[in-house]
Amino acid sequence: MTTQNTSTECPASRLLKQLSGKWKPQIFLQVLNGPVRFNQLLRDLEGSNKQSLSTALREMEELGFLQRHIISEKPLHVEYHLSESGHQLIPIFRSIEDALKAI
C-alpha cells in the first residue's frame, strides 16, 4: 500500500487513508492494551479471515504502526504490538472515541 506524501496533502487525511479499511481500526483497538497473537485477532474480529487479516497486519507493519514478534516456542506463534509510532496514535484514537460518545 503506497500513500502519497505530497506537501499539499493534509496530514490528517493521509493518516486516515493509512488506517482505512475494515480491519485496521479494529486491529489497532485490539493491540492498545498489549501484544495480541494472530489467532486471537482472528477469533476476536468476527467476519475476518486469515487472508484479509494478514494483509491488514502486513500493511500496518509496513506503515510502522505495528511490530511483529515471532515467538519460537512450540508451537510457533506470532504476536503483534504497537510500535512507537503506533503509541503516538493512542491519544488520537481516544479523542475520536470520546467525540463519538458525545454524539
C-alpha atoms as a PDB file:
ATOM      1  CA  MET A   1       0.000   0.000   0.000  1.00  0.00           C
ATOM      2  CA  THR A   2       1.528   3.257  -1.061  1.00  0.00           C
ATOM      3  CA  THR A   3       0.287   6.600   0.068  1.00  0.00           C
ATOM      4  CA  GLN A   4       1.329   9.846  -1.476  1.00  0.00           C
ATOM      5  CA  ASN A   5       3.272  12.165   0.713  1.00  0.00           C
ATOM      6  CA  THR A   6       2.730  15.441  -1.077  1.00  0.00           C
ATOM      7  CA  SER A   7       3.124  18.808   0.541  1.00  0.00           C
ATOM      8  CA  THR A   8      -0.474  19.692  -0.342  1.00  0.00           C
ATOM      9  CA  GLU A   9      -1.996  16.611   1.272  1.00  0.00           C
ATOM     10  CA  CYS A  10      -3.458  17.181   4.722  1.00  0.00           C
ATOM     11  CA  PRO A  11      -1.627  15.066   7.333  1.00  0.00           C
ATOM     12  CA  ALA A  12      -4.931  14.042   8.920  1.00  0.00           C
ATOM     13  CA  SER A  13      -6.239  12.870   5.548  1.00  0.00           C
ATOM     14  CA  ARG A  14      -3.069  10.903   4.945  1.00  0.00           C
ATOM     15  CA  LEU A  15      -3.352   9.206   8.344  1.00  0.00           C
ATOM     16  CA  LEU A  16      -6.999   8.349   7.759  1.00  0.00           C
ATOM     17  CA  LYS A  17      -6.108   6.806   4.395  1.00  0.00           C
ATOM     18  CA  GLN A  18      -3.379   4.735   6.020  1.00  0.00           C
ATOM     19  CA  LEU A  19      -5.727   3.445   8.712  1.00  0.00           C
ATOM     20  CA  SER A  20      -8.729   2.965   6.468  1.00  0.00           C
ATOM     21  CA  GLY A  21     -10.192  -0.408   5.763  1.00  0.00           C
ATOM     22  CA  LYS A  22     -12.448  -2.811   7.513  1.00  0.00           C
ATOM     23  CA  TRP A  23      -9.887  -4.328   9.890  1.00  0.00           C
ATOM     24  CA  LYS A  24      -7.183  -1.754  10.606  1.00  0.00           C
ATOM     25  CA  PRO A  25      -9.106   0.348  13.161  1.00  0.00           C
ATOM     26  CA  GLN A  26     -10.306  -2.806  14.893  1.00  0.00           C
ATOM     27  CA  ILE A  27      -6.800  -4.289  14.943  1.00  0.00           C
ATOM     28  CA  PHE A  28      -5.478  -1.049  16.411  1.00  0.00           C
ATOM     29  CA  LEU A  29      -8.058  -1.184  19.205  1.00  0.00           C
ATOM     30  CA  GLN A  30      -7.205  -4.825  19.921  1.00  0.00           C
ATOM     31  CA  VAL A  31      -3.482  -4.132  20.393  1.00  0.00           C
ATOM     32  CA  LEU A  32      -3.920  -0.989  22.512  1.00  0.00           C
ATOM     33  CA  ASN A  33      -3.635  -2.976  25.727  1.00  0.00           C
ATOM     34  CA  GLY A  34      -0.634  -5.064  24.765  1.00  0.00           C
ATOM     35  CA  PRO A  35       0.572  -7.807  22.460  1.00  0.00           C
ATOM     36  CA  VAL A  36      -2.023  -9.949  20.717  1.00  0.00           C
ATOM     37  CA  ARG A  37      -1.490 -13.225  18.901  1.00  0.00           C
ATOM     38  CA  PHE A  38      -2.611 -13.653  15.307  1.00  0.00           C
ATOM     39  CA  ASN A  39      -5.097 -16.400  16.149  1.00  0.00           C
ATOM     40  CA  GLN A  40      -6.591 -14.311  18.954  1.00  0.00           C
ATOM     41  CA  LEU A  41      -7.156 -11.467  16.496  1.00  0.00           C
ATOM     42  CA  LEU A  42      -8.729 -13.921  14.066  1.00  0.00           C
ATOM     43  CA  ARG A  43     -11.156 -15.084  16.780  1.00  0.00           C
ATOM     44  CA  ASP A  44     -11.935 -11.586  18.099  1.00  0.00           C
ATOM     45  CA  LEU A  45     -12.544  -9.923  14.726  1.00  0.00           C
ATOM     46  CA  GLU A  46     -15.747 -11.627  13.663  1.00  0.00           C
ATOM     47  CA  GLY A  47     -16.047 -11.984   9.917  1.00  0.00           C
ATOM     48  CA  SER A  48     -12.327 -11.716   9.312  1.00  0.00           C
ATOM     49  CA  ASN A  49     -10.340 -14.430   7.603  1.00  0.00           C
ATOM     50  CA  LYS A  50      -6.639 -15.309   7.530  1.00  0.00           C
ATOM     51  CA  GLN A  51      -6.048 -13.608   4.177  1.00  0.00           C
ATOM     52  CA  SER A  52      -7.667 -10.259   4.979  1.00  0.00           C
ATOM     53  CA  LEU A  53      -6.231 -10.161   8.479  1.00  0.00           C
ATOM     54  CA  SER A  54      -2.717 -10.993   7.239  1.00  0.00           C
ATOM     55  CA  THR A  55      -2.952  -8.269   4.603  1.00  0.00           C
ATOM     56  CA  ALA A  56      -4.116  -5.622   7.083  1.00  0.00           C
ATOM     57  CA  LEU A  57      -1.457  -6.589   9.631  1.00  0.00           C
ATOM     58  CA  ARG A  58       1.286  -6.534   6.984  1.00  0.00           C
ATOM     59  CA  GLU A  59       0.191  -3.079   5.787  1.00  0.00           C
ATOM     60  CA  MET A  60       0.102  -1.727   9.346  1.00  0.00           C
ATOM     61  CA  GLU A  61       3.559  -3.168   9.975  1.00  0.00           C
ATOM     62  CA  GLU A  62       4.912  -1.623   6.740  1.00  0.00           C
ATOM     63  CA  LEU A  63       3.444   1.746   7.757  1.00  0.00           C
ATOM     64  CA  GLY A  64       5.265   1.470  11.087  1.00  0.00           C
ATOM     65  CA  PHE A  65       2.195   1.293  13.353  1.00  0.00           C
ATOM     66  CA  LEU A  66       2.701  -2.324  14.453  1.00  0.00           C
ATOM     67  CA  GLN A  67       5.615  -4.573  15.225  1.00  0.00           C
ATOM     68  CA  ARG A  68       5.567  -8.304  14.646  1.00  0.00           C
ATOM     69  CA  HIS A  69       7.271 -10.610  17.094  1.00  0.00           C
ATOM     70  CA  ILE A  70       7.825 -14.286  16.303  1.00  0.00           C
ATOM     71  CA  ILE A  71       7.881 -16.480  19.394  1.00  0.00           C
ATOM     72  CA  SER A  72       9.877 -19.609  18.741  1.00  0.00           C
ATOM     73  CA  GLU A  73       8.240 -21.726  21.426  1.00  0.00           C
ATOM     74  CA  LYS A  74       6.487 -24.862  20.311  1.00  0.00           C
ATOM     75  CA  PRO A  75       4.054 -24.319  18.775  1.00  0.00           C
ATOM     76  CA  LEU A  76       5.495 -21.354  16.921  1.00  0.00           C
ATOM     77  CA  HIS A  77       3.314 -18.237  17.141  1.00  0.00           C
ATOM     78  CA  VAL A  78       3.310 -14.572  16.204  1.00  0.00           C
ATOM     79  CA  GLU A  79       2.356 -11.598  18.360  1.00  0.00           C
ATOM     80  CA  TYR A  80       1.639  -8.055  17.242  1.00  0.00           C
ATOM     81  CA  HIS A  81       2.065  -4.947  19.343  1.00  0.00           C
ATOM     82  CA  LEU A  82       2.080  -1.204  18.815  1.00  0.00           C
ATOM     83  CA  SER A  83       5.319   0.357  17.674  1.00  0.00           C
ATOM     84  CA  GLU A  84       6.487   3.721  18.967  1.00  0.00           C
ATOM     85  CA  SER A  85       4.594   5.372  16.095  1.00  0.00           C
ATOM     86  CA  GLY A  86       1.524   3.330  16.975  1.00  0.00           C
ATOM     87  CA  HIS A  87       1.697   4.513  20.584  1.00  0.00           C
ATOM     88  CA  GLN A  88       1.694   8.117  19.358  1.00  0.00           C
ATOM     89  CA  LEU A  89      -1.739   7.466  17.809  1.00  0.00           C
ATOM     90  CA  ILE A  90      -3.376   6.409  21.079  1.00  0.00           C
ATOM     91  CA  PRO A  91      -4.447   9.947  22.091  1.00  0.00           C
ATOM     92  CA  ILE A  92      -5.936  10.452  18.624  1.00  0.00           C
ATOM     93  CA  PHE A  93      -7.985   7.261  18.868  1.00  0.00           C
ATOM     94  CA  ARG A  94      -9.088   8.167  22.406  1.00  0.00           C
ATOM     95  CA  SER A  95     -10.198  11.627  21.215  1.00  0.00           C
ATOM     96  CA  ILE A  96     -12.172  10.123  18.346  1.00  0.00           C
ATOM     97  CA  GLU A  97     -13.757   7.647  20.745  1.00  0.00           C
ATOM     98  CA  ASP A  98     -14.722  10.457  23.139  1.00  0.00           C
ATOM     99  CA  ALA A  99     -16.127  12.570  20.306  1.00  0.00           C
ATOM    100  CA  LEU A 100     -18.266   9.682  19.051  1.00  0.00           C
ATOM    101  CA  LYS A 101     -19.624   9.045  22.550  1.00  0.00           C
ATOM    102  CA  ALA A 102     -20.711  12.700  22.724  1.00  0.00           C
ATOM    103  CA  ILE A 103     -22.748  12.468  19.524  1.00  0.00           C
END
